Amino acid sequence: MLSFQVKNLLQDPSLSIPVKDTWQIPTVKVGEEVYPCLSDWEIEGSLRSVSGEAVVFDGTVKTVIRMNCARCNKPVVYPMEVTIRQRFIKEGSEADVSEEDFDYLYISNDRVDLNETILYEVQLGVPMRVFCKEDCKGLCPIRGKDLN
């Protein structure tokens, strides 16, 4: 999983830390729904200092999940690309977090842990429903037959 020492990054804003990893995650759980992952999670991005007291992770996660069509219940292969931007600040810092348009987490013992952020953002990236095709006719309300 992904955890980084950022002490040098905080001291020198010209530095950045490249982030690239592959996770073998079998499923994504959103509420009570569990969706199988059909590919590994490809994680890419970078950590950079935005001041001596804050670090930002900008990255993407790519994977493919299987969902069911919301109208006819056929399996749908859904490619996901989730963009992540997360700010980390030192505890007790004077970093101005009110001007930013994203939430922040704390840097703990000069380390940034991206695991929770990545899992959370992928869960948020799962759509509430998908369709097998844009004009899916769904199921017959009387007999349950596929109308496509």
Protein backbone atom coordinates (compact mmCIF):
# COMPACT_ATOMS: atom_id res chain seq x y z
CA MET A 1 0.00 0.00 0.00
CA LEU A 2 1.06 3.64 -0.22
CA SER A 3 2.68 5.61 2.59
CA PHE A 4 5.39 8.22 2.01
CA GLN A 5 7.94 10.07 4.11
CA VAL A 6 7.44 13.77 3.25
CA LYS A 7 9.92 15.54 5.56
CA ASN A 8 12.27 16.48 2.69
CA LEU A 9 9.31 17.48 0.52
CA LEU A 10 8.10 19.92 3.18
CA GLN A 11 11.59 21.43 3.47
CA ASP A 12 12.15 21.84 -0.28
CA PRO A 13 9.09 22.88 -2.36
CA SER A 14 10.96 22.21 -5.62
CA LEU A 15 10.81 18.47 -4.93
CA SER A 16 8.00 16.11 -5.83
CA ILE A 17 7.48 12.42 -5.20
CA PRO A 18 6.16 10.34 -8.10
CA VAL A 19 3.49 7.82 -7.12
CA LYS A 20 2.90 4.72 -9.22
CA ASP A 21 1.49 1.46 -7.97
CA THR A 22 -0.78 -1.43 -8.87
CA TRP A 23 -3.23 -2.88 -6.39
CA GLN A 24 -4.94 -6.22 -6.76
CA ILE A 25 -8.31 -5.43 -5.21
CA PRO A 26 -11.00 -8.08 -5.86
CA THR A 27 -14.09 -5.95 -5.18
CA VAL A 28 -15.34 -2.43 -4.52
CA LYS A 29 -17.98 -2.13 -1.81
CA VAL A 30 -20.34 0.84 -1.90
CA GLY A 31 -22.96 0.70 0.83
CA GLU A 32 -24.41 -2.79 0.64
CA GLU A 33 -23.43 -3.31 -3.01
CA VAL A 34 -20.27 -5.23 -3.92
CA TYR A 35 -18.84 -4.86 -7.43
CA PRO A 36 -16.17 -7.25 -8.78
CA CYS A 37 -13.01 -5.61 -10.13
CA LEU A 38 -12.08 -7.03 -13.51
CA SER A 39 -8.65 -5.41 -13.57
CA ASP A 40 -6.00 -4.25 -11.14
CA TRP A 41 -6.15 -0.70 -9.81
CA GLU A 42 -3.53 1.36 -11.68
CA ILE A 43 -2.51 4.31 -9.48
CA GLU A 44 -0.45 7.23 -10.83
CA GLY A 45 0.24 10.70 -9.56
CA SER A 46 2.60 12.79 -7.49
CA LEU A 47 3.02 14.38 -4.10
CA ARG A 48 4.23 17.97 -4.02
CA SER A 49 4.71 20.60 -1.39
CA VAL A 50 2.43 23.63 -1.48
CA SER A 51 4.08 25.27 1.52
CA GLY A 52 6.36 24.24 4.33
CA GLU A 53 3.31 22.88 6.10
CA ALA A 54 1.18 21.22 3.41
CA VAL A 55 1.49 18.53 0.74
CA VAL A 56 -0.90 17.77 -2.14
CA PHE A 57 -1.45 14.45 -3.85
CA ASP A 58 -2.73 14.74 -7.43
CA GLY A 59 -3.38 11.45 -9.17
CA THR A 60 -5.66 9.02 -10.93
CA VAL A 61 -6.85 5.49 -10.33
CA LYS A 62 -7.90 3.34 -13.27
CA THR A 63 -9.74 0.04 -13.03
CA VAL A 64 -12.64 -1.86 -14.55
CA ILE A 65 -15.62 -3.09 -12.54
CA ARG A 66 -18.66 -5.19 -13.33
CA MET A 67 -22.08 -3.77 -12.56
CA ASN A 68 -25.59 -4.65 -13.73
CA CYS A 69 -27.71 -2.56 -16.06
CA ALA A 70 -30.24 -0.57 -14.04
CA ARG A 71 -32.99 -1.38 -16.57
CA CYS A 72 -32.50 -4.97 -17.76
CA ASN A 73 -30.04 -6.32 -15.17
CA LYS A 74 -27.52 -7.55 -17.78
CA PRO A 75 -23.86 -7.43 -16.70
CA VAL A 76 -22.04 -4.25 -17.74
CA VAL A 77 -18.27 -3.83 -17.89
CA TYR A 78 -17.60 -0.33 -16.56
CA PRO A 79 -14.13 1.26 -16.97
CA MET A 80 -13.39 3.75 -14.21
CA GLU A 81 -10.88 6.59 -14.10
CA VAL A 82 -11.03 8.44 -10.81
CA THR A 83 -9.18 11.75 -10.38
CA ILE A 84 -7.92 12.43 -6.88
CA ARG A 85 -6.72 15.64 -5.29
CA GLN A 86 -6.01 15.48 -1.58
CA ARG A 87 -4.30 18.01 0.66
CA PHE A 88 -2.35 16.96 3.75
CA ILE A 89 -1.31 19.47 6.42
CA LYS A 90 0.92 19.23 9.45
CA GLU A 91 -1.02 18.97 12.68
CA GLY A 92 -1.17 22.32 14.43
CA SER A 93 0.05 24.13 11.33
CA GLU A 94 -0.98 27.60 10.25
CA ALA A 95 -1.67 26.39 6.70
CA ASP A 96 -4.69 28.18 5.30
CA VAL A 97 -7.18 25.45 4.49
CA SER A 98 -10.17 27.72 4.00
CA GLU A 99 -9.07 28.88 0.53
CA GLU A 100 -8.87 25.40 -0.96
CA ASP A 101 -11.74 23.59 -2.64
CA PHE A 102 -10.89 20.17 -1.23
CA ASP A 103 -10.76 18.62 2.21
CA TYR A 104 -7.55 17.99 4.06
CA LEU A 105 -6.01 15.20 6.12
CA TYR A 106 -3.12 15.40 8.54
CA ILE A 107 0.51 14.51 8.03
CA SER A 108 1.40 12.09 10.81
CA ASN A 109 5.04 11.67 11.92
CA ASP A 110 6.19 13.30 8.65
CA ARG A 111 4.33 10.61 6.68
CA VAL A 112 1.43 10.78 4.24
CA ASP A 113 -0.78 7.71 3.94
CA LEU A 114 -2.68 7.57 0.63
CA ASN A 115 -4.47 4.26 1.23
CA GLU A 116 -7.64 5.59 2.84
CA THR A 117 -7.90 8.46 0.36
CA ILE A 118 -7.61 6.16 -2.67
CA LEU A 119 -10.16 3.66 -1.36
CA TYR A 120 -12.62 6.41 -0.47
CA GLU A 121 -12.31 8.23 -3.81
CA VAL A 122 -12.77 5.02 -5.82
CA GLN A 123 -15.93 4.25 -3.83
CA LEU A 124 -17.21 7.76 -4.59
CA GLY A 125 -16.38 7.26 -8.27
CA VAL A 126 -18.69 4.26 -8.67
CA PRO A 127 -21.84 5.47 -10.45
CA MET A 128 -25.21 4.92 -8.81
CA ARG A 129 -26.43 3.14 -11.94
CA VAL A 130 -25.26 2.17 -15.41
CA PHE A 131 -27.03 1.02 -18.56
CA CYS A 132 -26.02 -1.73 -20.97
CA LYS A 133 -26.78 0.73 -23.76
CA GLU A 134 -28.18 4.24 -23.82
CA ASP A 135 -31.56 3.18 -25.19
CA CYS A 136 -32.00 0.03 -23.07
CA LYS A 137 -35.71 -0.80 -22.90
CA GLY A 138 -35.43 -2.77 -19.67
CA LEU A 139 -37.66 -5.63 -18.57
CA CYS A 140 -41.34 -6.18 -19.24
CA PRO A 141 -43.17 -5.14 -16.06
CA ILE A 142 -45.63 -8.05 -16.45
CA ARG A 143 -43.55 -11.03 -17.59
CA GLY A 144 -40.05 -9.82 -16.76
CA LYS A 145 -38.85 -10.52 -20.31
CA ASP A 146 -35.94 -8.48 -21.66
CA LEU A 147 -37.44 -5.92 -24.08
CA ASN A 148 -34.18 -5.26 -25.94
